[in-house]
Amino acid sequence: MTTDDRIPVALPDGRAVPPRLGDERAMLEGWLDFHRGTLEVKCAGLNDTQVRVAAAEPSALTLLGLVQHMAEVERNWFQRAFGAVGDGTVFGDETGFALTDERGLDEALGVWRREIARGRDVCAGRSLDDVGRIPGDGPFGGAEVSLRWVYLHMIEEYARHNGHADILREHIDGVTGS
């Protein structure tokens, strides 16, 4: 692998730049970590009131709800699909979008980070070809999926929701950016 001094290792906001060269696993993990970092950056510097602001009626989507949702998604796809945990939600709501007066951003980010760490532990040493099962009773519940598929799905999930986070953040305080 070669390096190029023109490409930074990290962006000014602290997010690691995904590898441009390397094996498939490193690239998948790099892009997933980049998108995880993007969600965190979108919440940076905001208070608990601001992260509860919805941007586009009738949607009640908020940055806090997105963080909670992604904690649920992390658990679902890495831990439940590969057998590390059974049924059960992180926040008592299947989607994670529901807000409570008691839970603020710091707590939600802490839980989200723990779910990420647990998912990393579950995946460590596994092959991208290892097979898990889609959790739940939905139309795809019980179907087999590879760990590679889960990484790709998670990158897509974060990318889609980071687009929502862009709109929410701009509505809250005008901050835009990648």
C-alpha atoms as a PDB file:
ATOM      1  CA  MET A   1       0.000   0.000   0.000  1.00  0.00           C
ATOM      2  CA  THR A   2       1.259   3.473  -0.792  1.00  0.00           C
ATOM      3  CA  THR A   3       0.481   6.750   0.865  1.00  0.00           C
ATOM      4  CA  ASP A   4      -0.213  10.098  -0.681  1.00  0.00           C
ATOM      5  CA  ASP A   5       0.684  13.126   1.426  1.00  0.00           C
ATOM      6  CA  ARG A   6      -1.988  15.155  -0.407  1.00  0.00           C
ATOM      7  CA  ILE A   7      -4.753  13.072   1.200  1.00  0.00           C
ATOM      8  CA  PRO A   8      -5.171  13.716   4.941  1.00  0.00           C
ATOM      9  CA  VAL A   9      -5.456  10.828   7.379  1.00  0.00           C
ATOM     10  CA  ALA A  10      -8.215  12.697   9.193  1.00  0.00           C
ATOM     11  CA  LEU A  11     -10.487  15.599   8.378  1.00  0.00           C
ATOM     12  CA  PRO A  12     -10.332  18.798  10.463  1.00  0.00           C
ATOM     13  CA  ASP A  13     -13.449  17.639  12.355  1.00  0.00           C
ATOM     14  CA  GLY A  14     -11.608  14.481  13.472  1.00  0.00           C
ATOM     15  CA  ARG A  15     -13.223  11.919  11.188  1.00  0.00           C
ATOM     16  CA  ALA A  16     -10.785   9.372   9.783  1.00  0.00           C
ATOM     17  CA  VAL A  17     -10.574   9.380   6.000  1.00  0.00           C
ATOM     18  CA  PRO A  18     -11.498   5.909   4.701  1.00  0.00           C
ATOM     19  CA  PRO A  19      -8.622   4.009   3.097  1.00  0.00           C
ATOM     20  CA  ARG A  20      -8.283   4.421  -0.648  1.00  0.00           C
ATOM     21  CA  LEU A  21      -6.214   1.268  -0.984  1.00  0.00           C
ATOM     22  CA  GLY A  22      -6.336  -1.992   0.892  1.00  0.00           C
ATOM     23  CA  ASP A  23      -8.398  -5.075   1.331  1.00  0.00           C
ATOM     24  CA  GLU A  24     -12.166  -5.213   1.247  1.00  0.00           C
ATOM     25  CA  ARG A  25     -12.601  -5.524   5.011  1.00  0.00           C
ATOM     26  CA  ALA A  26     -10.475  -2.448   5.716  1.00  0.00           C
ATOM     27  CA  MET A  27     -12.452  -0.423   3.183  1.00  0.00           C
ATOM     28  CA  LEU A  28     -15.846  -1.550   4.493  1.00  0.00           C
ATOM     29  CA  GLU A  29     -14.866  -0.822   8.090  1.00  0.00           C
ATOM     30  CA  GLY A  30     -13.271   2.486   7.074  1.00  0.00           C
ATOM     31  CA  TRP A  31     -16.373   3.723   5.285  1.00  0.00           C
ATOM     32  CA  LEU A  32     -18.654   2.545   8.082  1.00  0.00           C
ATOM     33  CA  ASP A  33     -16.513   4.352  10.656  1.00  0.00           C
ATOM     34  CA  PHE A  34     -16.514   7.473   8.476  1.00  0.00           C
ATOM     35  CA  HIS A  35     -20.317   7.486   8.404  1.00  0.00           C
ATOM     36  CA  ARG A  36     -20.528   6.795  12.132  1.00  0.00           C
ATOM     37  CA  GLY A  37     -18.237   9.777  12.670  1.00  0.00           C
ATOM     38  CA  THR A  38     -20.376  11.906  10.382  1.00  0.00           C
ATOM     39  CA  LEU A  39     -23.454  11.320  12.530  1.00  0.00           C
ATOM     40  CA  GLU A  40     -21.482  12.307  15.608  1.00  0.00           C
ATOM     41  CA  VAL A  41     -20.168  15.457  13.910  1.00  0.00           C
ATOM     42  CA  LYS A  42     -23.732  16.455  12.986  1.00  0.00           C
ATOM     43  CA  CYS A  43     -24.594  16.415  16.712  1.00  0.00           C
ATOM     44  CA  ALA A  44     -21.422  18.131  17.930  1.00  0.00           C
ATOM     45  CA  GLY A  45     -21.887  21.364  19.851  1.00  0.00           C
ATOM     46  CA  LEU A  46     -25.661  21.057  20.165  1.00  0.00           C
ATOM     47  CA  ASN A  47     -27.582  20.962  23.425  1.00  0.00           C
ATOM     48  CA  ASP A  48     -30.399  18.616  24.420  1.00  0.00           C
ATOM     49  CA  THR A  49     -33.058  21.065  23.290  1.00  0.00           C
ATOM     50  CA  GLN A  50     -31.515  21.519  19.851  1.00  0.00           C
ATOM     51  CA  VAL A  51     -31.163  17.778  19.122  1.00  0.00           C
ATOM     52  CA  ARG A  52     -34.906  17.420  19.748  1.00  0.00           C
ATOM     53  CA  VAL A  53     -35.840  19.866  16.955  1.00  0.00           C
ATOM     54  CA  ALA A  54     -37.629  18.353  13.959  1.00  0.00           C
ATOM     55  CA  ALA A  55     -36.955  20.044  10.630  1.00  0.00           C
ATOM     56  CA  ALA A  56     -39.741  19.130   8.275  1.00  0.00           C
ATOM     57  CA  GLU A  57     -43.363  18.687   9.317  1.00  0.00           C
ATOM     58  CA  PRO A  58     -45.129  16.337   9.490  1.00  0.00           C
ATOM     59  CA  SER A  59     -41.984  14.337  10.256  1.00  0.00           C
ATOM     60  CA  ALA A  60     -40.952  14.169  13.906  1.00  0.00           C
ATOM     61  CA  LEU A  61     -37.423  13.062  12.980  1.00  0.00           C
ATOM     62  CA  THR A  62     -34.704  14.566  15.215  1.00  0.00           C
ATOM     63  CA  LEU A  63     -30.952  14.224  15.609  1.00  0.00           C
ATOM     64  CA  LEU A  64     -31.471  12.604  19.012  1.00  0.00           C
ATOM     65  CA  GLY A  65     -33.897  10.149  17.444  1.00  0.00           C
ATOM     66  CA  LEU A  66     -31.353   9.352  14.723  1.00  0.00           C
ATOM     67  CA  VAL A  67     -28.640   8.567  17.289  1.00  0.00           C
ATOM     68  CA  GLN A  68     -31.031   6.323  19.200  1.00  0.00           C
ATOM     69  CA  HIS A  69     -32.192   4.658  15.971  1.00  0.00           C
ATOM     70  CA  MET A  70     -28.641   3.929  14.890  1.00  0.00           C
ATOM     71  CA  ALA A  71     -27.919   2.338  18.285  1.00  0.00           C
ATOM     72  CA  GLU A  72     -30.864   0.006  17.621  1.00  0.00           C
ATOM     73  CA  VAL A  73     -29.632  -0.655  14.076  1.00  0.00           C
ATOM     74  CA  GLU A  74     -26.091  -1.420  15.300  1.00  0.00           C
ATOM     75  CA  ARG A  75     -27.470  -3.952  17.783  1.00  0.00           C
ATOM     76  CA  ASN A  76     -29.871  -5.464  15.293  1.00  0.00           C
ATOM     77  CA  TRP A  77     -27.484  -6.034  12.402  1.00  0.00           C
ATOM     78  CA  PHE A  78     -24.230  -6.913  14.134  1.00  0.00           C
ATOM     79  CA  GLN A  79     -25.313  -8.500  17.396  1.00  0.00           C
ATOM     80  CA  ARG A  80     -28.726 -10.015  16.800  1.00  0.00           C
ATOM     81  CA  ALA A  81     -28.008 -11.166  13.238  1.00  0.00           C
ATOM     82  CA  PHE A  82     -24.861 -12.960  14.353  1.00  0.00           C
ATOM     83  CA  GLY A  83     -26.225 -14.422  17.574  1.00  0.00           C
ATOM     84  CA  ALA A  84     -24.506 -12.314  20.226  1.00  0.00           C
ATOM     85  CA  VAL A  85     -27.795 -11.074  21.711  1.00  0.00           C
ATOM     86  CA  GLY A  86     -31.371 -12.242  21.483  1.00  0.00           C
ATOM     87  CA  ASP A  87     -34.461 -10.192  21.041  1.00  0.00           C
ATOM     88  CA  GLY A  88     -34.695  -6.930  22.853  1.00  0.00           C
ATOM     89  CA  THR A  89     -34.257  -3.297  22.105  1.00  0.00           C
ATOM     90  CA  VAL A  90     -31.763  -0.775  23.338  1.00  0.00           C
ATOM     91  CA  PHE A  91     -34.253   1.956  24.235  1.00  0.00           C
ATOM     92  CA  GLY A  92     -37.474  -0.035  24.607  1.00  0.00           C
ATOM     93  CA  ASP A  93     -38.716   1.078  21.187  1.00  0.00           C
ATOM     94  CA  GLU A  94     -38.041  -1.091  18.151  1.00  0.00           C
ATOM     95  CA  THR A  95     -37.037   1.825  15.923  1.00  0.00           C
ATOM     96  CA  GLY A  96     -35.338   3.988  18.552  1.00  0.00           C
ATOM     97  CA  PHE A  97     -36.898   7.177  17.236  1.00  0.00           C
ATOM     98  CA  ALA A  98     -39.136   7.790  20.280  1.00  0.00           C
ATOM     99  CA  LEU A  99     -37.810  10.443  22.649  1.00  0.00           C
ATOM    100  CA  THR A 100     -38.165  10.590  26.409  1.00  0.00           C
ATOM    101  CA  ASP A 101     -37.756  13.621  28.651  1.00  0.00           C
ATOM    102  CA  GLU A 102     -35.147  11.778  30.729  1.00  0.00           C
ATOM    103  CA  ARG A 103     -32.702  10.783  27.966  1.00  0.00           C
ATOM    104  CA  GLY A 104     -30.422  13.423  26.520  1.00  0.00           C
ATOM    105  CA  LEU A 105     -27.779  13.409  23.825  1.00  0.00           C
ATOM    106  CA  ASP A 106     -24.849  12.436  26.061  1.00  0.00           C
ATOM    107  CA  GLU A 107     -26.633   9.312  27.278  1.00  0.00           C
ATOM    108  CA  ALA A 108     -27.819   8.362  23.783  1.00  0.00           C
ATOM    109  CA  LEU A 109     -24.330   8.825  22.315  1.00  0.00           C
ATOM    110  CA  GLY A 110     -22.854   6.722  25.122  1.00  0.00           C
ATOM    111  CA  VAL A 111     -25.291   3.886  24.427  1.00  0.00           C
ATOM    112  CA  TRP A 112     -24.694   4.185  20.668  1.00  0.00           C
ATOM    113  CA  ARG A 113     -20.923   3.957  21.182  1.00  0.00           C
ATOM    114  CA  ARG A 114     -21.353   0.861  23.398  1.00  0.00           C
ATOM    115  CA  GLU A 115     -23.491  -0.818  20.739  1.00  0.00           C
ATOM    116  CA  ILE A 116     -20.819  -0.065  18.137  1.00  0.00           C
ATOM    117  CA  ALA A 117     -18.116  -1.536  20.394  1.00  0.00           C
ATOM    118  CA  ARG A 118     -20.164  -4.672  21.060  1.00  0.00           C
ATOM    119  CA  GLY A 119     -20.788  -5.098  17.348  1.00  0.00           C
ATOM    120  CA  ARG A 120     -17.073  -4.780  16.648  1.00  0.00           C
ATOM    121  CA  ASP A 121     -16.405  -7.483  19.228  1.00  0.00           C
ATOM    122  CA  VAL A 122     -18.960  -9.778  17.591  1.00  0.00           C
ATOM    123  CA  CYS A 123     -17.413  -9.257  14.155  1.00  0.00           C
ATOM    124  CA  ALA A 124     -13.766  -9.490  15.165  1.00  0.00           C
ATOM    125  CA  GLY A 125     -12.213 -12.561  13.622  1.00  0.00           C
ATOM    126  CA  ARG A 126     -15.236 -13.340  11.468  1.00  0.00           C
ATOM    127  CA  SER A 127     -15.007 -13.706   7.733  1.00  0.00           C
ATOM    128  CA  LEU A 128     -17.014 -11.418   5.480  1.00  0.00           C
ATOM    129  CA  ASP A 129     -18.508 -14.657   4.152  1.00  0.00           C
ATOM    130  CA  ASP A 130     -19.799 -15.748   7.586  1.00  0.00           C
ATOM    131  CA  VAL A 131     -23.565 -16.092   7.618  1.00  0.00           C
ATOM    132  CA  GLY A 132     -26.089 -14.692  10.058  1.00  0.00           C
ATOM    133  CA  ARG A 133     -29.850 -14.365   9.941  1.00  0.00           C
ATOM    134  CA  ILE A 134     -31.953 -11.253   9.525  1.00  0.00           C
ATOM    135  CA  PRO A 135     -33.677 -10.746  12.863  1.00  0.00           C
ATOM    136  CA  GLY A 136     -37.376 -10.204  13.314  1.00  0.00           C
ATOM    137  CA  ASP A 137     -40.655 -11.369  11.887  1.00  0.00           C
ATOM    138  CA  GLY A 138     -40.763  -9.063   8.867  1.00  0.00           C
ATOM    139  CA  PRO A 139     -40.835 -10.245   5.284  1.00  0.00           C
ATOM    140  CA  PHE A 140     -37.105 -11.020   5.383  1.00  0.00           C
ATOM    141  CA  GLY A 141     -36.942 -12.217   8.990  1.00  0.00           C
ATOM    142  CA  GLY A 142     -34.852 -15.366   9.279  1.00  0.00           C
ATOM    143  CA  ALA A 143     -33.232 -15.011   5.847  1.00  0.00           C
ATOM    144  CA  GLU A 144     -29.508 -15.678   5.696  1.00  0.00           C
ATOM    145  CA  VAL A 145     -27.109 -12.782   5.086  1.00  0.00           C
ATOM    146  CA  SER A 146     -23.341 -12.576   4.935  1.00  0.00           C
ATOM    147  CA  LEU A 147     -21.352 -10.263   7.166  1.00  0.00           C
ATOM    148  CA  ARG A 148     -20.289  -8.489   3.948  1.00  0.00           C
ATOM    149  CA  TRP A 149     -23.965  -7.772   3.191  1.00  0.00           C
ATOM    150  CA  VAL A 150     -24.446  -6.387   6.709  1.00  0.00           C
ATOM    151  CA  TYR A 151     -21.464  -4.026   6.335  1.00  0.00           C
ATOM    152  CA  LEU A 152     -22.798  -2.759   3.018  1.00  0.00           C
ATOM    153  CA  HIS A 153     -26.301  -2.355   4.446  1.00  0.00           C
ATOM    154  CA  MET A 154     -24.946  -0.439   7.458  1.00  0.00           C
ATOM    155  CA  ILE A 155     -22.979   1.932   5.206  1.00  0.00           C
ATOM    156  CA  GLU A 156     -26.184   2.552   3.242  1.00  0.00           C
ATOM    157  CA  GLU A 157     -28.212   3.020   6.438  1.00  0.00           C
ATOM    158  CA  TYR A 158     -25.797   5.591   7.841  1.00  0.00           C
ATOM    159  CA  ALA A 159     -25.405   7.398   4.513  1.00  0.00           C
ATOM    160  CA  ARG A 160     -29.179   7.769   4.158  1.00  0.00           C
ATOM    161  CA  HIS A 161     -29.663   8.964   7.710  1.00  0.00           C
ATOM    162  CA  ASN A 162     -26.663  11.286   7.515  1.00  0.00           C
ATOM    163  CA  GLY A 163     -28.511  13.030   4.699  1.00  0.00           C
ATOM    164  CA  HIS A 164     -31.385  13.527   7.116  1.00  0.00           C
ATOM    165  CA  ALA A 165     -28.901  14.723   9.744  1.00  0.00           C
ATOM    166  CA  ASP A 166     -27.558  17.311   7.270  1.00  0.00           C
ATOM    167  CA  ILE A 167     -31.028  18.782   6.850  1.00  0.00           C
ATOM    168  CA  LEU A 168     -31.770  18.694  10.577  1.00  0.00           C
ATOM    169  CA  ARG A 169     -28.493  20.384  11.493  1.00  0.00           C
ATOM    170  CA  GLU A 170     -28.907  23.103   8.879  1.00  0.00           C
ATOM    171  CA  HIS A 171     -32.428  23.777  10.167  1.00  0.00           C
ATOM    172  CA  ILE A 172     -31.188  23.991  13.782  1.00  0.00           C
ATOM    173  CA  ASP A 173     -28.279  26.387  13.391  1.00  0.00           C
ATOM    174  CA  GLY A 174     -27.391  26.793   9.729  1.00  0.00           C
ATOM    175  CA  VAL A 175     -24.323  24.532   9.862  1.00  0.00           C
ATOM    176  CA  THR A 176     -23.754  22.664   6.619  1.00  0.00           C
ATOM    177  CA  GLY A 177     -21.022  20.402   5.337  1.00  0.00           C
ATOM    178  CA  SER A 178     -20.072  16.831   4.761  1.00  0.00           C
END
